[in-house]
Amino acid sequence: MPAVPQSIRLKLPFVIAGFASFLFSVWLYFVQDETSAGIFVGLWVPSIHSLGTLLLAQVEAPASAESQEVRS
């Protein structure tokens, strides 16, 4: 079995958590007839993915002072 690239391994927990949240919200909304709770849990999906993006984004080094000057 080929090794999974590290970039995918780092993203996988957030994708799985987002998908699990989606499935849980659908189950709450349709099966349990808890519409408010289903909508609330459904809003977790973009929050989980945003958290993953925030945590996995690489911070760029500050640009040199010359490129930050305002040219007139």
PDB file of N, CA and C in Angstrom:
ATOM      1  N   MET A   1       0.852  -1.184   0.000  1.00  0.00           N
ATOM      2  CA  MET A   1       0.000   0.000   0.000  1.00  0.00           C
ATOM      3  C   MET A   1       0.896   1.244   0.000  1.00  0.00           C
ATOM      4  N   PRO A   2       0.632   2.183  -0.929  1.00  0.00           N
ATOM      5  CA  PRO A   2       1.480   3.376  -1.001  1.00  0.00           C
ATOM      6  C   PRO A   2       1.266   4.282   0.209  1.00  0.00           C
ATOM      7  N   ALA A   3       2.315   4.984   0.561  1.00  0.00           N
ATOM      8  CA  ALA A   3       2.245   5.912   1.699  1.00  0.00           C
ATOM      9  C   ALA A   3       1.395   7.120   1.330  1.00  0.00           C
ATOM     10  N   VAL A   4       0.637   7.592   2.287  1.00  0.00           N
ATOM     11  CA  VAL A   4      -0.197   8.769   2.079  1.00  0.00           C
ATOM     12  C   VAL A   4       0.672  10.006   2.273  1.00  0.00           C
ATOM     13  N   PRO A   5       0.644  10.968   1.332  1.00  0.00           N
ATOM     14  CA  PRO A   5       1.448  12.175   1.492  1.00  0.00           C
ATOM     15  C   PRO A   5       1.087  12.926   2.778  1.00  0.00           C
ATOM     16  N   GLN A   6       2.079  13.579   3.354  1.00  0.00           N
ATOM     17  CA  GLN A   6       1.860  14.257   4.630  1.00  0.00           C
ATOM     18  C   GLN A   6       0.831  15.379   4.513  1.00  0.00           C
ATOM     19  N   SER A   7       0.778  16.065   3.379  1.00  0.00           N
ATOM     20  CA  SER A   7      -0.197  17.147   3.231  1.00  0.00           C
ATOM     21  C   SER A   7      -1.627  16.614   3.352  1.00  0.00           C
ATOM     22  N   ILE A   8      -1.860  15.420   2.842  1.00  0.00           N
ATOM     23  CA  ILE A   8      -3.194  14.827   2.942  1.00  0.00           C
ATOM     24  C   ILE A   8      -3.435  14.299   4.355  1.00  0.00           C
ATOM     25  N   ARG A   9      -2.403  13.715   4.960  1.00  0.00           N
ATOM     26  CA  ARG A   9      -2.548  13.200   6.333  1.00  0.00           C
ATOM     27  C   ARG A   9      -2.890  14.310   7.313  1.00  0.00           C
ATOM     28  N   LEU A  10      -2.379  15.505   7.096  1.00  0.00           N
ATOM     29  CA  LEU A  10      -2.675  16.618   8.000  1.00  0.00           C
ATOM     30  C   LEU A  10      -4.105  17.122   7.822  1.00  0.00           C
ATOM     31  N   LYS A  11      -4.608  17.067   6.613  1.00  0.00           N
ATOM     32  CA  LYS A  11      -5.959  17.573   6.328  1.00  0.00           C
ATOM     33  C   LYS A  11      -7.047  16.557   6.649  1.00  0.00           C
ATOM     34  N   LEU A  12      -6.695  15.293   6.647  1.00  0.00           N
ATOM     35  CA  LEU A  12      -7.680  14.227   6.794  1.00  0.00           C
ATOM     36  C   LEU A  12      -8.543  14.323   8.056  1.00  0.00           C
ATOM     37  N   PRO A  13      -7.998  14.627   9.247  1.00  0.00           N
ATOM     38  CA  PRO A  13      -8.869  14.719  10.425  1.00  0.00           C
ATOM     39  C   PRO A  13      -9.947  15.796  10.298  1.00  0.00           C
ATOM     40  N   PHE A  14      -9.621  16.903   9.653  1.00  0.00           N
ATOM     41  CA  PHE A  14     -10.600  17.977   9.501  1.00  0.00           C
ATOM     42  C   PHE A  14     -11.674  17.603   8.481  1.00  0.00           C
ATOM     43  N   VAL A  15     -11.277  16.912   7.428  1.00  0.00           N
ATOM     44  CA  VAL A  15     -12.257  16.454   6.434  1.00  0.00           C
ATOM     45  C   VAL A  15     -13.193  15.423   7.051  1.00  0.00           C
ATOM     46  N   ILE A  16     -12.638  14.491   7.813  1.00  0.00           N
ATOM     47  CA  ILE A  16     -13.456  13.458   8.459  1.00  0.00           C
ATOM     48  C   ILE A  16     -14.394  14.083   9.485  1.00  0.00           C
ATOM     49  N   ALA A  17     -13.879  15.023  10.280  1.00  0.00           N
ATOM     50  CA  ALA A  17     -14.725  15.682  11.286  1.00  0.00           C
ATOM     51  C   ALA A  17     -15.841  16.483  10.623  1.00  0.00           C
ATOM     52  N   GLY A  18     -15.543  17.159   9.527  1.00  0.00           N
ATOM     53  CA  GLY A  18     -16.571  17.911   8.804  1.00  0.00           C
ATOM     54  C   GLY A  18     -17.632  16.991   8.220  1.00  0.00           C
ATOM     55  N   PHE A  19     -17.201  15.864   7.647  1.00  0.00           N
ATOM     56  CA  PHE A  19     -18.158  14.927   7.073  1.00  0.00           C
ATOM     57  C   PHE A  19     -19.010  14.272   8.159  1.00  0.00           C
ATOM     58  N   ALA A  20     -18.395  13.937   9.292  1.00  0.00           N
ATOM     59  CA  ALA A  20     -19.152  13.358  10.414  1.00  0.00           C
ATOM     60  C   ALA A  20     -20.176  14.355  10.941  1.00  0.00           C
ATOM     61  N   SER A  21     -19.791  15.621  11.012  1.00  0.00           N
ATOM     62  CA  SER A  21     -20.720  16.658  11.450  1.00  0.00           C
ATOM     63  C   SER A  21     -21.890  16.787  10.478  1.00  0.00           C
ATOM     64  N   PHE A  22     -21.589  16.712   9.182  1.00  0.00           N
ATOM     65  CA  PHE A  22     -22.645  16.774   8.173  1.00  0.00           C
ATOM     66  C   PHE A  22     -23.617  15.604   8.322  1.00  0.00           C
ATOM     67  N   LEU A  23     -23.078  14.400   8.472  1.00  0.00           N
ATOM     68  CA  LEU A  23     -23.943  13.233   8.633  1.00  0.00           C
ATOM     69  C   LEU A  23     -24.781  13.314   9.908  1.00  0.00           C
ATOM     70  N   PHE A  24     -24.165  13.797  10.987  1.00  0.00           N
ATOM     71  CA  PHE A  24     -24.887  13.942  12.249  1.00  0.00           C
ATOM     72  C   PHE A  24     -26.004  14.972  12.118  1.00  0.00           C
ATOM     73  N   SER A  25     -25.745  16.067  11.397  1.00  0.00           N
ATOM     74  CA  SER A  25     -26.786  17.084  11.231  1.00  0.00           C
ATOM     75  C   SER A  25     -27.946  16.560  10.387  1.00  0.00           C
ATOM     76  N   VAL A  26     -27.636  15.778   9.355  1.00  0.00           N
ATOM     77  CA  VAL A  26     -28.697  15.189   8.529  1.00  0.00           C
ATOM     78  C   VAL A  26     -29.515  14.213   9.360  1.00  0.00           C
ATOM     79  N   TRP A  27     -28.852  13.429  10.186  1.00  0.00           N
ATOM     80  CA  TRP A  27     -29.554  12.477  11.053  1.00  0.00           C
ATOM     81  C   TRP A  27     -30.457  13.213  12.044  1.00  0.00           C
ATOM     82  N   LEU A  28     -29.945  14.271  12.643  1.00  0.00           N
ATOM     83  CA  LEU A  28     -30.770  15.040  13.579  1.00  0.00           C
ATOM     84  C   LEU A  28     -31.971  15.658  12.873  1.00  0.00           C
ATOM     85  N   TYR A  29     -31.739  16.237  11.713  1.00  0.00           N
ATOM     86  CA  TYR A  29     -32.786  16.971  11.001  1.00  0.00           C
ATOM     87  C   TYR A  29     -33.889  16.056  10.487  1.00  0.00           C
ATOM     88  N   PHE A  30     -33.500  14.963   9.838  1.00  0.00           N
ATOM     89  CA  PHE A  30     -34.494  14.115   9.182  1.00  0.00           C
ATOM     90  C   PHE A  30     -34.972  12.949  10.037  1.00  0.00           C
ATOM     91  N   VAL A  31     -34.073  12.282  10.738  1.00  0.00           N
ATOM     92  CA  VAL A  31     -34.449  11.084  11.476  1.00  0.00           C
ATOM     93  C   VAL A  31     -35.051  11.452  12.826  1.00  0.00           C
ATOM     94  N   GLN A  32     -34.380  12.313  13.564  1.00  0.00           N
ATOM     95  CA  GLN A  32     -34.845  12.679  14.896  1.00  0.00           C
ATOM     96  C   GLN A  32     -35.856  13.824  14.878  1.00  0.00           C
ATOM     97  N   ASP A  33     -36.059  14.447  13.735  1.00  0.00           N
ATOM     98  CA  ASP A  33     -36.980  15.573  13.570  1.00  0.00           C
ATOM     99  C   ASP A  33     -36.639  16.729  14.524  1.00  0.00           C
ATOM    100  N   GLU A  34     -35.360  16.919  14.739  1.00  0.00           N
ATOM    101  CA  GLU A  34     -34.848  18.040  15.540  1.00  0.00           C
ATOM    102  C   GLU A  34     -34.281  19.063  14.563  1.00  0.00           C
ATOM    103  N   THR A  35     -35.165  19.877  13.990  1.00  0.00           N
ATOM    104  CA  THR A  35     -34.730  20.770  12.923  1.00  0.00           C
ATOM    105  C   THR A  35     -33.725  21.810  13.407  1.00  0.00           C
ATOM    106  N   SER A  36     -33.967  22.421  14.545  1.00  0.00           N
ATOM    107  CA  SER A  36     -33.051  23.448  15.051  1.00  0.00           C
ATOM    108  C   SER A  36     -31.680  22.860  15.371  1.00  0.00           C
ATOM    109  N   ALA A  37     -31.659  21.710  16.016  1.00  0.00           N
ATOM    110  CA  ALA A  37     -30.386  21.065  16.348  1.00  0.00           C
ATOM    111  C   ALA A  37     -29.665  20.624  15.076  1.00  0.00           C
ATOM    112  N   GLY A  38     -30.389  20.146  14.086  1.00  0.00           N
ATOM    113  CA  GLY A  38     -29.771  19.737  12.831  1.00  0.00           C
ATOM    114  C   GLY A  38     -29.131  20.902  12.103  1.00  0.00           C
ATOM    115  N   ILE A  39     -29.810  22.042  12.091  1.00  0.00           N
ATOM    116  CA  ILE A  39     -29.242  23.234  11.463  1.00  0.00           C
ATOM    117  C   ILE A  39     -28.024  23.710  12.244  1.00  0.00           C
ATOM    118  N   PHE A  40     -28.103  23.689  13.564  1.00  0.00           N
ATOM    119  CA  PHE A  40     -26.987  24.124  14.398  1.00  0.00           C
ATOM    120  C   PHE A  40     -25.751  23.270  14.152  1.00  0.00           C
ATOM    121  N   VAL A  41     -25.930  21.959  14.144  1.00  0.00           N
ATOM    122  CA  VAL A  41     -24.794  21.062  13.914  1.00  0.00           C
ATOM    123  C   VAL A  41     -24.297  21.198  12.478  1.00  0.00           C
ATOM    124  N   GLY A  42     -25.183  21.461  11.547  1.00  0.00           N
ATOM    125  CA  GLY A  42     -24.775  21.665  10.157  1.00  0.00           C
ATOM    126  C   GLY A  42     -23.869  22.871   9.989  1.00  0.00           C
ATOM    127  N   LEU A  43     -24.024  23.855  10.851  1.00  0.00           N
ATOM    128  CA  LEU A  43     -23.152  25.034  10.798  1.00  0.00           C
ATOM    129  C   LEU A  43     -21.748  24.740  11.297  1.00  0.00           C
ATOM    130  N   TRP A  44     -21.541  23.599  11.919  1.00  0.00           N
ATOM    131  CA  TRP A  44     -20.206  23.222  12.376  1.00  0.00           C
ATOM    132  C   TRP A  44     -19.288  22.905  11.201  1.00  0.00           C
ATOM    133  N   VAL A  45     -19.846  22.433  10.096  1.00  0.00           N
ATOM    134  CA  VAL A  45     -19.031  21.968   8.979  1.00  0.00           C
ATOM    135  C   VAL A  45     -18.096  23.070   8.464  1.00  0.00           C
ATOM    136  N   PRO A  46     -18.597  24.244   8.085  1.00  0.00           N
ATOM    137  CA  PRO A  46     -17.660  25.275   7.622  1.00  0.00           C
ATOM    138  C   PRO A  46     -16.739  25.763   8.739  1.00  0.00           C
ATOM    139  N   SER A  47     -17.199  25.699   9.976  1.00  0.00           N
ATOM    140  CA  SER A  47     -16.338  26.109  11.086  1.00  0.00           C
ATOM    141  C   SER A  47     -15.168  25.150  11.255  1.00  0.00           C
ATOM    142  N   ILE A  48     -15.424  23.865  11.125  1.00  0.00           N
ATOM    143  CA  ILE A  48     -14.360  22.862  11.235  1.00  0.00           C
ATOM    144  C   ILE A  48     -13.363  23.025  10.090  1.00  0.00           C
ATOM    145  N   HIS A  49     -13.876  23.229   8.890  1.00  0.00           N
ATOM    146  CA  HIS A  49     -12.981  23.399   7.748  1.00  0.00           C
ATOM    147  C   HIS A  49     -12.192  24.701   7.843  1.00  0.00           C
ATOM    148  N   SER A  50     -12.800  25.753   8.369  1.00  0.00           N
ATOM    149  CA  SER A  50     -12.075  27.012   8.564  1.00  0.00           C
ATOM    150  C   SER A  50     -10.986  26.857   9.613  1.00  0.00           C
ATOM    151  N   LEU A  51     -11.281  26.129  10.674  1.00  0.00           N
ATOM    152  CA  LEU A  51     -10.264  25.870  11.696  1.00  0.00           C
ATOM    153  C   LEU A  51      -9.090  25.107  11.099  1.00  0.00           C
ATOM    154  N   GLY A  52      -9.378  24.111  10.283  1.00  0.00           N
ATOM    155  CA  GLY A  52      -8.314  23.363   9.627  1.00  0.00           C
ATOM    156  C   GLY A  52      -7.475  24.241   8.723  1.00  0.00           C
ATOM    157  N   THR A  53      -8.122  25.128   7.983  1.00  0.00           N
ATOM    158  CA  THR A  53      -7.391  26.052   7.118  1.00  0.00           C
ATOM    159  C   THR A  53      -6.517  26.978   7.934  1.00  0.00           C
ATOM    160  N   LEU A  54      -7.046  27.487   9.036  1.00  0.00           N
ATOM    161  CA  LEU A  54      -6.286  28.392   9.889  1.00  0.00           C
ATOM    162  C   LEU A  54      -5.081  27.700  10.496  1.00  0.00           C
ATOM    163  N   LEU A  55      -5.259  26.489  10.985  1.00  0.00           N
ATOM    164  CA  LEU A  55      -4.169  25.787  11.646  1.00  0.00           C
ATOM    165  C   LEU A  55      -3.119  25.260  10.675  1.00  0.00           C
ATOM    166  N   LEU A  56      -3.517  24.953   9.456  1.00  0.00           N
ATOM    167  CA  LEU A  56      -2.589  24.352   8.513  1.00  0.00           C
ATOM    168  C   LEU A  56      -1.959  25.353   7.548  1.00  0.00           C
ATOM    169  N   ALA A  57      -2.431  26.594   7.571  1.00  0.00           N
ATOM    170  CA  ALA A  57      -1.862  27.605   6.678  1.00  0.00           C
ATOM    171  C   ALA A  57      -0.462  27.968   7.139  1.00  0.00           C
ATOM    172  N   GLN A  58       0.427  28.055   6.189  1.00  0.00           N
ATOM    173  CA  GLN A  58       1.793  28.437   6.528  1.00  0.00           C
ATOM    174  C   GLN A  58       1.882  29.955   6.569  1.00  0.00           C
ATOM    175  N   VAL A  59       2.560  30.441   7.576  1.00  0.00           N
ATOM    176  CA  VAL A  59       2.726  31.881   7.734  1.00  0.00           C
ATOM    177  C   VAL A  59       3.938  32.300   6.916  1.00  0.00           C
ATOM    178  N   GLU A  60       3.751  33.317   6.090  1.00  0.00           N
ATOM    179  CA  GLU A  60       4.849  33.786   5.264  1.00  0.00           C
ATOM    180  C   GLU A  60       5.752  34.696   6.077  1.00  0.00           C
ATOM    181  N   ALA A  61       7.023  34.677   5.758  1.00  0.00           N
ATOM    182  CA  ALA A  61       7.980  35.571   6.414  1.00  0.00           C
ATOM    183  C   ALA A  61       7.685  36.997   5.973  1.00  0.00           C
ATOM    184  N   PRO A  62       7.908  37.964   6.866  1.00  0.00           N
ATOM    185  CA  PRO A  62       7.656  39.354   6.477  1.00  0.00           C
ATOM    186  C   PRO A  62       8.523  39.740   5.282  1.00  0.00           C
ATOM    187  N   ALA A  63       7.954  40.544   4.411  1.00  0.00           N
ATOM    188  CA  ALA A  63       8.691  41.006   3.239  1.00  0.00           C
ATOM    189  C   ALA A  63       9.784  41.960   3.672  1.00  0.00           C
ATOM    190  N   SER A  64      10.752  42.125   2.834  1.00  0.00           N
ATOM    191  CA  SER A  64      11.850  43.033   3.177  1.00  0.00           C
ATOM    192  C   SER A  64      11.337  44.457   3.289  1.00  0.00           C
ATOM    193  N   ALA A  65      12.067  45.285   3.977  1.00  0.00           N
ATOM    194  CA  ALA A  65      11.652  46.676   4.210  1.00  0.00           C
ATOM    195  C   ALA A  65      11.531  47.439   2.904  1.00  0.00           C
ATOM    196  N   GLU A  66      12.351  47.092   1.920  1.00  0.00           N
ATOM    197  CA  GLU A  66      12.311  47.800   0.648  1.00  0.00           C
ATOM    198  C   GLU A  66      10.980  47.594  -0.065  1.00  0.00           C
ATOM    199  N   SER A  67      10.439  46.389  -0.006  1.00  0.00           N
ATOM    200  CA  SER A  67       9.183  46.121  -0.714  1.00  0.00           C
ATOM    201  C   SER A  67       7.979  46.670   0.025  1.00  0.00           C
ATOM    202  N   GLN A  68       8.144  47.015   1.296  1.00  0.00           N
ATOM    203  CA  GLN A  68       7.025  47.558   2.066  1.00  0.00           C
ATOM    204  C   GLN A  68       6.934  49.074   1.967  1.00  0.00           C
ATOM    205  N   GLU A  69       7.951  49.726   1.433  1.00  0.00           N
ATOM    206  CA  GLU A  69       7.927  51.181   1.325  1.00  0.00           C
ATOM    207  C   GLU A  69       6.873  51.606   0.321  1.00  0.00           C
ATOM    208  N   VAL A  70       6.267  52.737   0.620  1.00  0.00           N
ATOM    209  CA  VAL A  70       5.305  53.308  -0.307  1.00  0.00           C
ATOM    210  C   VAL A  70       6.078  54.151  -1.293  1.00  0.00           C
ATOM    211  N   ARG A  71       5.889  53.833  -2.544  1.00  0.00           N
ATOM    212  CA  ARG A  71       6.626  54.580  -3.564  1.00  0.00           C
ATOM    213  C   ARG A  71       5.793  55.768  -4.013  1.00  0.00           C
ATOM    214  N   SER A  72       6.449  56.887  -4.117  1.00  0.00           N
ATOM    215  CA  SER A  72       5.711  58.093  -4.525  1.00  0.00           C
ATOM    216  C   SER A  72       6.053  58.507  -5.924  1.00  0.00           C
TER     217      SER A  72
END
